[in-house]
N, C-alpha and C. Protein backbone atom coordinates (compact mmCIF):
# COMPACT_ATOMS: atom_id res chain seq x y z
N MET A 1 3.86 10.13 15.94
CA MET A 1 5.44 9.89 16.66
C MET A 1 6.02 8.67 17.05
N ALA A 2 4.87 7.73 17.95
CA ALA A 2 5.38 6.70 18.40
C ALA A 2 5.53 5.56 17.46
N THR A 3 4.80 5.75 16.38
CA THR A 3 4.89 4.79 15.28
C THR A 3 6.23 4.77 14.58
N VAL A 4 6.46 6.19 14.15
CA VAL A 4 7.84 6.51 13.66
C VAL A 4 9.02 5.86 14.33
N ALA A 5 8.88 6.15 15.67
CA ALA A 5 9.90 5.79 16.79
C ALA A 5 10.08 4.40 16.81
N LEU A 6 8.77 3.59 16.53
CA LEU A 6 8.64 2.15 17.00
C LEU A 6 9.41 1.59 15.70
N GLY A 7 9.10 2.18 14.15
CA GLY A 7 9.77 2.08 13.04
C GLY A 7 11.36 2.05 13.09
N ILE A 8 11.73 3.16 13.59
CA ILE A 8 13.05 3.34 13.55
C ILE A 8 13.83 2.02 14.72
N VAL A 9 13.20 1.81 15.64
CA VAL A 9 13.93 0.88 16.53
C VAL A 9 13.78 -0.62 16.11
N LEU A 10 12.81 -0.90 15.16
CA LEU A 10 12.59 -2.15 14.57
C LEU A 10 13.56 -2.28 13.33
N ASP A 11 13.99 -1.23 12.80
CA ASP A 11 14.92 -1.00 11.54
C ASP A 11 16.46 -1.39 11.91
N ASN A 12 16.55 -0.95 13.14
CA ASN A 12 17.82 -1.05 13.98
C ASN A 12 18.25 -2.34 14.51
N VAL A 13 17.08 -2.99 15.01
CA VAL A 13 17.06 -4.40 15.59
C VAL A 13 17.32 -5.08 14.36
N VAL A 14 16.67 -5.19 13.41
CA VAL A 14 16.82 -5.74 11.86
C VAL A 14 18.14 -5.99 11.47
N MET A 15 18.78 -4.57 11.49
CA MET A 15 20.01 -4.26 10.99
C MET A 15 21.11 -5.00 11.98
N LEU A 16 20.90 -4.84 13.59
CA LEU A 16 22.06 -5.68 14.41
C LEU A 16 21.86 -7.11 14.29
N THR A 17 20.60 -7.71 14.14
CA THR A 17 20.39 -9.14 13.95
C THR A 17 20.74 -9.79 12.68
N PHE A 18 20.46 -9.21 11.56
CA PHE A 18 21.07 -9.87 10.40
C PHE A 18 21.79 -9.00 9.67
N GLY A 19 22.53 -7.87 9.86
CA GLY A 19 23.77 -7.18 9.55
C GLY A 19 23.03 -6.22 8.54
N THR A 20 23.84 -5.33 7.82
CA THR A 20 23.56 -3.97 6.83
C THR A 20 23.66 -4.27 5.30
N GLU A 21 24.10 -5.63 5.21
CA GLU A 21 24.20 -5.86 3.81
C GLU A 21 22.88 -6.41 3.02
N PRO A 22 22.30 -5.57 2.15
CA PRO A 22 21.24 -6.18 1.33
C PRO A 22 21.26 -7.70 0.91
N ARG A 23 20.28 -8.30 0.80
CA ARG A 23 20.06 -9.68 0.30
C ARG A 23 19.08 -10.18 -0.70
N SER A 24 19.59 -10.98 -1.66
CA SER A 24 18.32 -11.23 -2.55
C SER A 24 17.75 -12.57 -2.30
N LEU A 25 16.41 -12.55 -2.61
CA LEU A 25 15.68 -13.58 -2.32
C LEU A 25 15.14 -14.09 -3.52
N PRO A 26 15.72 -14.95 -4.10
CA PRO A 26 15.48 -15.51 -5.73
C PRO A 26 14.22 -16.00 -5.60
N SER A 27 13.78 -15.72 -6.92
CA SER A 27 11.98 -16.70 -7.12
C SER A 27 12.08 -16.95 -8.62
N PRO A 28 11.63 -18.23 -8.95
CA PRO A 28 11.53 -18.69 -10.21
C PRO A 28 10.70 -17.72 -10.90
N LEU A 29 9.73 -16.95 -10.40
CA LEU A 29 8.78 -15.91 -11.18
C LEU A 29 9.39 -14.88 -11.47
N ALA A 30 10.88 -14.73 -11.05
CA ALA A 30 11.54 -13.22 -11.43
C ALA A 30 12.82 -13.41 -11.82
N THR A 31 13.15 -14.48 -12.59
CA THR A 31 14.49 -14.83 -13.02
C THR A 31 14.51 -14.47 -14.87
N SER A 32 13.52 -14.80 -15.65
CA SER A 32 13.53 -14.78 -16.76
C SER A 32 12.20 -14.00 -17.16
N ALA A 33 12.56 -12.76 -17.62
CA ALA A 33 11.65 -11.85 -18.33
C ALA A 33 10.83 -12.32 -19.71
N MET A 34 9.64 -12.10 -19.72
CA MET A 34 8.74 -12.43 -20.95
C MET A 34 8.76 -11.14 -21.75
N GLN A 35 9.17 -11.19 -23.24
CA GLN A 35 8.96 -9.91 -24.01
C GLN A 35 7.88 -9.73 -24.62
N LEU A 36 7.40 -8.37 -24.19
CA LEU A 36 6.33 -7.98 -24.97
C LEU A 36 6.26 -7.57 -26.38
N GLY A 37 6.08 -8.52 -27.01
CA GLY A 37 6.15 -8.23 -28.60
C GLY A 37 7.55 -7.95 -29.16
N ASP A 38 7.34 -6.92 -30.09
CA ASP A 38 8.57 -6.30 -30.78
C ASP A 38 8.92 -4.94 -30.07
N THR A 39 8.54 -4.57 -28.94
CA THR A 39 8.87 -3.52 -28.18
C THR A 39 10.27 -3.48 -27.75
N GLY A 40 10.67 -4.59 -27.45
CA GLY A 40 11.73 -4.62 -26.67
C GLY A 40 11.85 -4.71 -25.17
N LEU A 41 10.88 -4.37 -24.82
CA LEU A 41 10.70 -4.46 -23.38
C LEU A 41 10.08 -5.79 -22.65
N GLY A 42 10.35 -6.19 -21.40
CA GLY A 42 10.39 -7.19 -21.05
C GLY A 42 9.74 -7.16 -19.48
N VAL A 43 9.02 -8.28 -19.27
CA VAL A 43 8.22 -8.01 -17.97
C VAL A 43 8.36 -9.66 -17.22
N TYR A 44 8.70 -9.66 -15.84
CA TYR A 44 8.79 -11.01 -15.22
C TYR A 44 7.30 -11.32 -14.88
N PRO A 45 6.95 -12.78 -14.78
CA PRO A 45 5.80 -13.28 -14.40
C PRO A 45 5.42 -12.70 -13.31
N LEU A 46 6.36 -12.58 -12.12
CA LEU A 46 5.76 -12.05 -10.80
C LEU A 46 5.19 -10.41 -10.97
N GLN A 47 5.78 -9.67 -12.07
CA GLN A 47 5.11 -8.49 -12.02
C GLN A 47 3.85 -8.12 -12.62
N LEU A 48 3.45 -9.31 -13.54
CA LEU A 48 2.00 -9.57 -13.60
C LEU A 48 1.38 -10.30 -12.55
N LEU A 49 1.82 -10.96 -11.71
CA LEU A 49 1.33 -11.78 -10.78
C LEU A 49 0.68 -10.95 -9.70
N ILE A 50 1.42 -9.87 -9.28
CA ILE A 50 1.24 -8.82 -8.30
C ILE A 50 -0.13 -8.06 -8.05
N PRO A 51 -0.24 -7.55 -9.41
CA PRO A 51 -1.66 -6.51 -9.54
C PRO A 51 -2.74 -7.57 -9.51
N VAL A 52 -2.47 -8.89 -9.81
CA VAL A 52 -3.63 -9.97 -9.86
C VAL A 52 -4.05 -10.37 -8.34
N ILE A 53 -2.99 -10.61 -7.54
CA ILE A 53 -2.83 -11.05 -6.20
C ILE A 53 -3.46 -9.56 -5.55
N GLY A 54 -3.18 -8.59 -5.58
CA GLY A 54 -3.54 -7.30 -5.01
C GLY A 54 -4.82 -7.21 -5.09
N LEU A 55 -5.45 -7.05 -6.35
CA LEU A 55 -6.88 -6.82 -6.73
C LEU A 55 -7.55 -7.89 -6.22
N ALA A 56 -7.33 -9.29 -5.92
CA ALA A 56 -8.27 -10.40 -5.50
C ALA A 56 -7.89 -10.15 -4.10
N LEU A 57 -7.13 -9.56 -3.48
CA LEU A 57 -7.15 -9.42 -1.84
C LEU A 57 -7.92 -8.31 -1.46
N ALA A 58 -8.01 -7.21 -2.44
CA ALA A 58 -8.73 -5.97 -2.15
C ALA A 58 -10.25 -6.42 -2.48
N GLY A 59 -10.48 -7.25 -3.50
CA GLY A 59 -12.07 -7.99 -3.39
C GLY A 59 -12.56 -8.78 -2.40
N VAL A 60 -11.49 -9.59 -1.60
CA VAL A 60 -11.86 -10.23 -0.43
C VAL A 60 -12.11 -9.48 0.60
N LEU A 61 -11.23 -8.50 1.05
CA LEU A 61 -11.47 -7.67 1.87
C LEU A 61 -12.77 -6.83 1.89
N HIS A 62 -13.02 -6.47 0.45
CA HIS A 62 -14.22 -5.82 0.53
C HIS A 62 -15.54 -6.37 1.02
N LEU A 63 -15.28 -7.56 0.45
CA LEU A 63 -16.45 -8.64 0.78
C LEU A 63 -16.33 -8.99 2.35
N LEU A 64 -15.32 -8.80 2.93
CA LEU A 64 -15.26 -9.43 4.36
C LEU A 64 -15.79 -7.95 5.21
N LEU A 65 -15.66 -6.81 4.67
CA LEU A 65 -15.85 -5.55 5.35
C LEU A 65 -17.63 -5.16 5.07
N ARG A 66 -17.95 -5.96 3.95
CA ARG A 66 -19.40 -5.43 3.95
C ARG A 66 -20.26 -6.64 3.93
N ARG A 67 -19.87 -7.65 4.03
CA ARG A 67 -20.81 -9.05 3.98
C ARG A 67 -20.92 -9.78 5.26
N SER A 68 -19.45 -9.47 6.18
CA SER A 68 -19.73 -10.38 7.28
C SER A 68 -19.88 -9.58 8.75
N ARG A 69 -20.06 -10.12 9.74
CA ARG A 69 -20.44 -9.36 10.94
C ARG A 69 -19.44 -8.70 11.36
N TRP A 70 -18.37 -9.53 11.39
CA TRP A 70 -17.08 -8.49 11.52
C TRP A 70 -16.79 -7.78 11.06
N GLY A 71 -16.85 -7.61 9.69
CA GLY A 71 -16.55 -6.30 9.01
C GLY A 71 -17.38 -5.07 9.06
N VAL A 72 -18.88 -5.63 9.26
CA VAL A 72 -19.74 -4.54 9.80
C VAL A 72 -19.39 -3.67 10.79
N ALA A 73 -19.10 -4.48 12.22
CA ALA A 73 -18.82 -4.22 13.36
C ALA A 73 -17.52 -3.00 13.22
N MET A 74 -16.63 -3.41 12.26
CA MET A 74 -15.41 -2.83 11.94
C MET A 74 -15.67 -1.53 11.55
N LEU A 75 -16.46 -1.50 10.57
CA LEU A 75 -16.95 -0.26 9.95
C LEU A 75 -18.00 0.65 10.89
N ALA A 76 -18.59 -0.06 11.79
CA ALA A 76 -19.16 0.81 13.08
C ALA A 76 -18.23 1.18 13.78
N VAL A 77 -17.21 0.82 14.19
CA VAL A 77 -16.21 1.09 14.99
C VAL A 77 -15.32 2.57 14.45
N VAL A 78 -15.54 2.31 13.08
CA VAL A 78 -14.67 3.62 12.43
C VAL A 78 -15.62 4.73 12.38
N GLN A 79 -16.70 4.48 12.20
CA GLN A 79 -17.76 5.79 11.93
C GLN A 79 -18.22 6.23 13.23
N ASN A 80 -18.41 5.36 14.39
CA ASN A 80 -18.75 6.08 15.75
C ASN A 80 -18.45 5.25 16.76
N ARG A 81 -17.12 5.24 17.40
CA ARG A 81 -16.79 4.01 18.71
C ARG A 81 -17.73 4.18 19.48
N ASP A 82 -18.37 5.55 20.08
CA ASP A 82 -19.36 5.30 21.30
C ASP A 82 -20.48 4.57 21.13
N ALA A 83 -21.07 4.72 19.81
CA ALA A 83 -22.05 4.07 19.34
C ALA A 83 -22.06 2.57 19.16
N ALA A 84 -20.75 2.13 18.84
CA ALA A 84 -20.72 0.72 18.69
C ALA A 84 -20.18 0.36 20.06
N ARG A 85 -19.56 0.84 21.04
CA ARG A 85 -19.63 0.56 22.21
C ARG A 85 -20.85 0.05 23.02
N LEU A 86 -21.78 0.92 22.78
CA LEU A 86 -22.80 1.05 23.47
C LEU A 86 -23.67 -0.13 22.68
N MET A 87 -23.55 -0.47 21.51
CA MET A 87 -24.01 -1.75 20.87
C MET A 87 -23.40 -2.81 20.85
N GLY A 88 -22.35 -3.04 22.15
CA GLY A 88 -22.15 -4.11 22.55
C GLY A 88 -20.52 -4.76 21.70
N ILE A 89 -20.07 -3.70 20.69
CA ILE A 89 -19.09 -4.29 20.10
C ILE A 89 -17.68 -4.14 20.53
N PRO A 90 -17.06 -5.33 20.71
CA PRO A 90 -15.71 -5.34 21.40
C PRO A 90 -14.64 -4.47 20.79
N ILE A 91 -14.59 -3.17 21.05
CA ILE A 91 -13.62 -2.48 20.21
C ILE A 91 -12.11 -2.79 20.37
N ARG A 92 -11.70 -3.04 21.41
CA ARG A 92 -10.47 -3.63 21.44
C ARG A 92 -10.07 -4.67 20.74
N ARG A 93 -10.65 -5.57 20.80
CA ARG A 93 -10.78 -6.85 19.82
C ARG A 93 -10.71 -6.67 18.37
N LEU A 94 -11.60 -5.67 18.06
CA LEU A 94 -11.66 -5.39 16.42
C LEU A 94 -10.74 -4.77 16.33
N VAL A 95 -9.93 -3.68 17.01
CA VAL A 95 -8.70 -2.46 16.61
C VAL A 95 -7.72 -3.70 16.25
N ALA A 96 -7.53 -4.99 17.36
CA ALA A 96 -6.42 -5.54 17.34
C ALA A 96 -6.41 -6.41 16.16
N ALA A 97 -7.86 -7.06 15.96
CA ALA A 97 -7.98 -7.92 14.67
C ALA A 97 -7.54 -6.87 13.10
N ALA A 98 -7.95 -5.71 13.26
CA ALA A 98 -7.42 -4.86 12.41
C ALA A 98 -6.09 -4.67 11.97
N PHE A 99 -5.55 -4.30 13.26
CA PHE A 99 -3.90 -4.36 13.13
C PHE A 99 -3.65 -5.77 12.47
N ALA A 100 -3.64 -6.81 13.04
CA ALA A 100 -3.23 -8.36 12.52
C ALA A 100 -3.82 -8.23 11.08
N LEU A 101 -4.63 -7.82 10.72
CA LEU A 101 -5.18 -8.08 9.00
C LEU A 101 -4.15 -7.34 8.20
N SER A 102 -4.03 -5.96 9.09
CA SER A 102 -2.76 -5.20 7.96
C SER A 102 -1.61 -5.63 7.99
N THR A 103 -1.24 -6.30 9.17
CA THR A 103 0.52 -7.03 9.44
C THR A 103 0.15 -7.98 8.07
N LEU A 104 -0.95 -9.02 8.05
CA LEU A 104 -0.83 -10.22 7.48
C LEU A 104 -0.81 -9.27 5.82
N LEU A 105 -1.82 -8.37 5.57
CA LEU A 105 -1.51 -8.02 4.24
C LEU A 105 -0.10 -7.51 4.11
N ALA A 106 0.50 -6.52 4.58
CA ALA A 106 2.01 -6.07 4.68
C ALA A 106 2.65 -7.42 4.34
N GLY A 107 2.45 -8.28 5.09
CA GLY A 107 3.43 -9.27 4.92
C GLY A 107 3.34 -10.09 3.71
N ILE A 108 2.34 -10.39 3.12
CA ILE A 108 2.04 -10.69 1.57
C ILE A 108 2.64 -10.05 0.70
N ALA A 109 2.40 -8.45 0.80
CA ALA A 109 2.92 -7.89 0.04
C ALA A 109 4.64 -7.81 0.10
N GLY A 110 5.39 -7.72 1.11
CA GLY A 110 6.67 -8.09 1.37
C GLY A 110 7.12 -9.30 0.72
N VAL A 111 6.36 -10.25 0.86
CA VAL A 111 7.06 -11.49 0.10
C VAL A 111 6.86 -11.67 -1.34
N LEU A 112 5.71 -10.69 -1.83
CA LEU A 112 5.74 -10.47 -3.44
C LEU A 112 6.59 -9.57 -3.87
N ILE A 113 6.93 -8.58 -3.26
CA ILE A 113 7.99 -7.77 -3.81
C ILE A 113 9.51 -8.02 -3.50
N ALA A 114 9.82 -8.87 -2.54
CA ALA A 114 11.29 -9.14 -2.12
C ALA A 114 11.90 -9.62 -3.19
N PRO A 115 11.26 -10.70 -4.11
CA PRO A 115 12.60 -10.87 -5.16
C PRO A 115 12.75 -9.80 -6.46
N LEU A 116 11.78 -8.88 -6.29
CA LEU A 116 12.22 -7.90 -7.37
C LEU A 116 13.38 -7.07 -7.05
N PHE A 117 13.42 -6.59 -5.61
CA PHE A 117 14.38 -6.03 -4.83
C PHE A 117 15.33 -6.64 -4.03
N ASN A 118 16.29 -5.96 -3.75
CA ASN A 118 17.40 -6.54 -2.64
C ASN A 118 16.63 -5.87 -1.39
N VAL A 119 16.75 -7.32 -0.47
CA VAL A 119 16.00 -7.04 0.90
C VAL A 119 17.10 -6.15 1.92
N GLN A 120 16.30 -5.22 2.52
CA GLN A 120 17.15 -4.61 3.65
C GLN A 120 16.17 -4.17 4.48
N SER A 121 17.06 -3.48 5.77
CA SER A 121 15.99 -3.06 6.75
C SER A 121 15.26 -1.95 6.89
N ASP A 122 15.52 -0.82 5.87
CA ASP A 122 14.92 0.13 5.67
C ASP A 122 14.29 0.38 4.12
N MET A 123 14.10 -0.82 3.62
CA MET A 123 13.56 -0.95 2.42
C MET A 123 12.00 -0.60 2.35
N GLY A 124 11.28 -0.49 3.54
CA GLY A 124 10.00 -0.13 3.23
C GLY A 124 9.74 1.26 3.30
N THR A 125 10.88 2.18 3.33
CA THR A 125 10.66 3.53 3.87
C THR A 125 10.14 4.29 2.55
N VAL A 126 10.74 3.63 1.28
CA VAL A 126 10.09 4.59 -0.09
C VAL A 126 8.79 3.71 -0.01
N PHE A 127 8.60 2.44 0.04
CA PHE A 127 7.33 1.83 -0.16
C PHE A 127 6.10 2.44 0.48
N GLY A 128 6.38 2.80 1.96
CA GLY A 128 5.34 3.61 2.86
C GLY A 128 5.20 4.86 2.35
N LEU A 129 6.31 5.52 2.14
CA LEU A 129 6.03 6.87 1.46
C LEU A 129 4.89 6.92 0.46
N LYS A 130 5.01 5.89 -0.42
CA LYS A 130 4.34 5.92 -1.81
C LYS A 130 3.20 5.27 -1.29
N ALA A 131 2.83 4.46 -0.72
CA ALA A 131 1.56 3.93 -0.09
C ALA A 131 0.70 5.09 0.41
N PHE A 132 1.55 5.80 1.38
CA PHE A 132 0.78 6.77 2.27
C PHE A 132 0.16 8.01 1.20
N ALA A 133 1.03 8.42 -0.15
CA ALA A 133 0.81 9.22 -1.09
C ALA A 133 -0.30 8.48 -1.97
N VAL A 134 -0.41 7.33 -2.33
CA VAL A 134 -1.40 6.92 -2.83
C VAL A 134 -2.53 7.28 -2.02
N ALA A 135 -2.82 6.89 -0.58
CA ALA A 135 -3.70 6.55 0.14
C ALA A 135 -4.49 7.91 -0.10
N ILE A 136 -3.98 8.79 0.29
CA ILE A 136 -4.32 10.29 0.04
C ILE A 136 -4.79 10.78 -1.21
N LEU A 137 -3.92 10.51 -2.39
CA LEU A 137 -4.22 10.66 -3.38
C LEU A 137 -5.74 10.21 -3.71
N GLY A 138 -5.93 8.98 -3.54
CA GLY A 138 -7.30 8.19 -3.82
C GLY A 138 -8.54 8.84 -2.76
N GLY A 139 -7.82 9.20 -1.86
CA GLY A 139 -9.14 9.79 -0.93
C GLY A 139 -9.24 8.53 0.25
N LEU A 140 -9.01 8.92 1.54
CA LEU A 140 -9.00 8.25 2.69
C LEU A 140 -10.16 7.47 3.07
N GLY A 141 -11.33 7.91 2.41
CA GLY A 141 -12.46 7.30 2.84
C GLY A 141 -12.90 6.25 1.69
N SER A 142 -12.08 6.39 0.52
CA SER A 142 -12.66 5.48 -0.38
C SER A 142 -11.56 4.37 -0.82
N ALA A 143 -11.97 3.32 -0.37
CA ALA A 143 -10.87 2.22 -0.48
C ALA A 143 -10.62 1.78 -2.13
N TRP A 144 -11.76 1.68 -2.90
CA TRP A 144 -11.69 1.59 -4.06
C TRP A 144 -11.00 2.90 -4.88
N GLY A 145 -11.27 3.98 -4.44
CA GLY A 145 -10.32 5.13 -4.99
C GLY A 145 -8.94 5.13 -4.43
N VAL A 146 -8.59 4.39 -3.44
CA VAL A 146 -6.89 4.31 -3.42
C VAL A 146 -6.47 2.90 -4.21
N MET A 147 -7.34 2.04 -4.49
CA MET A 147 -6.84 1.12 -5.59
C MET A 147 -6.65 1.74 -6.96
N VAL A 148 -7.65 2.76 -7.48
CA VAL A 148 -7.38 3.34 -8.70
C VAL A 148 -6.16 3.98 -8.65
N ALA A 149 -6.12 5.17 -7.74
CA ALA A 149 -4.73 5.89 -7.48
C ALA A 149 -3.61 5.14 -7.48
N GLY A 150 -3.54 4.04 -6.82
CA GLY A 150 -2.43 3.06 -6.89
C GLY A 150 -2.18 2.55 -8.15
N LEU A 151 -2.98 2.17 -9.10
CA LEU A 151 -2.71 1.81 -10.47
C LEU A 151 -2.36 2.99 -11.24
N ILE A 152 -3.24 4.37 -11.09
CA ILE A 152 -2.36 5.43 -11.64
C ILE A 152 -1.02 5.67 -11.32
N PHE A 153 -0.75 5.64 -10.05
CA PHE A 153 0.69 5.94 -9.58
C PHE A 153 1.51 5.19 -10.02
N GLY A 154 1.49 3.80 -10.13
CA GLY A 154 2.33 2.61 -10.95
C GLY A 154 2.36 2.95 -12.35
N VAL A 155 1.43 3.26 -12.98
CA VAL A 155 1.65 3.48 -14.42
C VAL A 155 2.23 4.80 -14.65
N ALA A 156 2.15 6.05 -14.10
CA ALA A 156 2.70 7.10 -13.91
C ALA A 156 4.45 6.84 -13.66
N GLU A 157 4.58 6.16 -12.66
CA GLU A 157 6.09 6.10 -12.47
C GLU A 157 6.59 5.03 -13.40
N ALA A 158 5.80 4.18 -14.14
CA ALA A 158 6.54 2.88 -15.05
C ALA A 158 6.88 3.95 -16.44
N LEU A 159 5.95 5.00 -16.71
CA LEU A 159 6.13 5.69 -17.95
C LEU A 159 7.19 6.74 -17.72
N VAL A 160 7.35 6.99 -16.38
CA VAL A 160 8.50 8.29 -16.32
C VAL A 160 9.76 7.49 -16.43
N THR A 161 10.03 6.27 -15.89
CA THR A 161 11.08 5.54 -15.48
C THR A 161 11.62 5.23 -16.77
N ALA A 162 10.46 4.60 -17.92
CA ALA A 162 10.59 4.17 -19.31
C ALA A 162 11.15 5.33 -20.32
N SER A 163 10.43 6.57 -19.94
CA SER A 163 10.99 7.61 -21.03
C SER A 163 12.24 8.44 -20.70
N LEU A 164 12.07 8.74 -19.24
CA LEU A 164 13.31 9.50 -18.84
C LEU A 164 14.44 8.92 -18.03
N GLY A 165 14.47 7.90 -17.24
CA GLY A 165 15.28 7.39 -16.54
C GLY A 165 14.67 7.08 -15.22
N SER A 166 15.28 6.47 -14.37
CA SER A 166 14.74 6.23 -12.89
C SER A 166 15.38 7.45 -12.23
N GLY A 167 16.24 8.05 -12.45
CA GLY A 167 16.90 9.18 -11.61
C GLY A 167 15.63 10.34 -11.60
N TYR A 168 14.73 10.24 -12.39
CA TYR A 168 13.43 11.44 -12.44
C TYR A 168 12.32 10.93 -11.78
N THR A 169 12.21 9.34 -11.54
CA THR A 169 11.07 9.00 -10.94
C THR A 169 10.40 9.37 -10.14
N GLN A 170 11.18 9.65 -8.76
CA GLN A 170 10.64 9.90 -7.43
C GLN A 170 10.15 11.43 -7.60
N ILE A 171 11.01 12.26 -8.31
CA ILE A 171 10.85 13.73 -8.37
C ILE A 171 9.29 14.18 -9.13
N ILE A 172 9.47 13.16 -10.43
CA ILE A 172 8.03 13.68 -11.16
C ILE A 172 6.72 13.30 -10.44
N THR A 173 6.97 11.80 -10.02
CA THR A 173 5.76 11.23 -9.48
C THR A 173 5.28 11.99 -8.10
N PHE A 174 6.12 12.23 -7.39
CA PHE A 174 5.53 13.11 -6.21
C PHE A 174 5.46 14.31 -6.04
N SER A 175 5.93 15.19 -7.62
CA SER A 175 5.57 16.18 -7.90
C SER A 175 4.12 16.35 -8.54
N LEU A 176 3.64 15.21 -9.22
CA LEU A 176 2.25 15.08 -9.33
C LEU A 176 1.26 14.86 -8.36
N VAL A 177 1.67 14.15 -7.29
CA VAL A 177 1.14 14.10 -6.22
C VAL A 177 0.62 15.20 -5.58
N ILE A 178 1.84 16.05 -5.43
CA ILE A 178 1.60 17.51 -4.80
C ILE A 178 0.59 18.22 -5.51
N LEU A 179 0.71 18.19 -6.93
CA LEU A 179 0.11 19.03 -8.03
C LEU A 179 -1.40 18.77 -7.68
N LEU A 180 -1.63 17.35 -7.78
CA LEU A 180 -3.12 17.02 -7.73
C LEU A 180 -4.03 17.10 -6.61
N LEU A 181 -3.08 16.94 -5.26
CA LEU A 181 -3.64 17.16 -4.14
C LEU A 181 -3.79 18.67 -3.93
N ALA A 182 -2.99 19.86 -4.51
CA ALA A 182 -3.40 21.05 -4.41
C ALA A 182 -4.78 21.48 -5.05
N MET A 183 -4.81 20.56 -6.30
CA MET A 183 -6.31 20.86 -7.02
C MET A 183 -7.29 20.21 -6.23
N ARG A 184 -7.21 19.00 -5.72
CA ARG A 184 -8.18 18.28 -5.16
C ARG A 184 -7.76 17.90 -4.02
N PRO A 185 -7.93 18.49 -2.57
CA PRO A 185 -7.51 18.16 -1.36
C PRO A 185 -7.91 17.11 -0.81
N ASP A 186 -9.12 16.63 -1.12
CA ASP A 186 -9.81 15.36 -0.58
C ASP A 186 -9.59 14.26 -1.44
N GLY A 187 -8.66 14.47 -2.15
CA GLY A 187 -7.91 13.03 -3.13
C GLY A 187 -9.11 13.10 -4.36
N LEU A 188 -8.54 12.36 -5.11
CA LEU A 188 -9.48 12.25 -6.32
C LEU A 188 -10.71 11.58 -6.33
N PHE A 189 -11.02 10.80 -5.44
CA PHE A 189 -12.22 9.90 -5.01
C PHE A 189 -12.78 10.14 -3.58
N GLY A 190 -11.94 10.97 -2.87
CA GLY A 190 -12.71 11.47 -1.66
C GLY A 190 -13.65 12.55 -1.78
N ARG A 191 -14.63 12.62 -0.55
CA ARG A 191 -15.29 13.67 -0.41
C ARG A 191 -15.06 14.35 0.89
N ALA A 192 -15.42 15.72 0.66
CA ALA A 192 -15.12 16.86 1.63
C ALA A 192 -16.05 16.48 2.87
N GLU A 193 -15.38 16.58 4.29
CA GLU A 193 -16.23 16.36 5.38
C GLU A 193 -17.10 17.20 5.71
N VAL A 194 -18.22 16.96 5.88
CA VAL A 194 -19.09 18.14 6.34
C VAL A 194 -19.13 18.26 7.96
N ARG A 195 -18.59 19.34 8.32
CA ARG A 195 -18.72 19.76 9.57
C ARG A 195 -19.64 20.28 10.24
N LYS A 196 -20.41 19.92 11.25
CA LYS A 196 -21.57 20.48 11.80
C LYS A 196 -21.46 21.38 13.15
N VAL A 197 -22.10 22.48 13.04
CA VAL A 197 -21.53 23.19 13.96
C VAL A 197 -22.66 23.46 15.27
């Protein structure tokens, strides 16, 4: 609740500071579309660059978490805070670093998508809902599962938009997420947590 409340406060601060009018942030990578053969479909170079940068950042993050002392310590904190504290891991510093890293990644994502959409104070709401849905769909314990689920969600969204129009996109994609989670509550790549009694 505190996070949602803080998000609403920040939205209103941005509206008071910069106004309520959406603004565009033009980029040379999002001005002229490249045609895809004889299909009549076009794609901006930025739309091809975004998944490449996203996958590269995911690979770097994976290496950081698996190969560095900082990453292994962070995984230890996630698995068992008390044991990590007993091993001398500075939990508060690692949690702060994790928040800083997630803020950096969110900032990179914002800079990448800003030229494709009008920038406004509440533009992150729909993207946040989609990210949350994809994270649950992929399985919260599986980083690569979330990446695959994100790609599946994006392709499904593009297909629905191209075939039925943008009015049906949110309805059909979120309905598919609900249906898939009803069949697989732990996500496509998640595992059921074993509870010890």
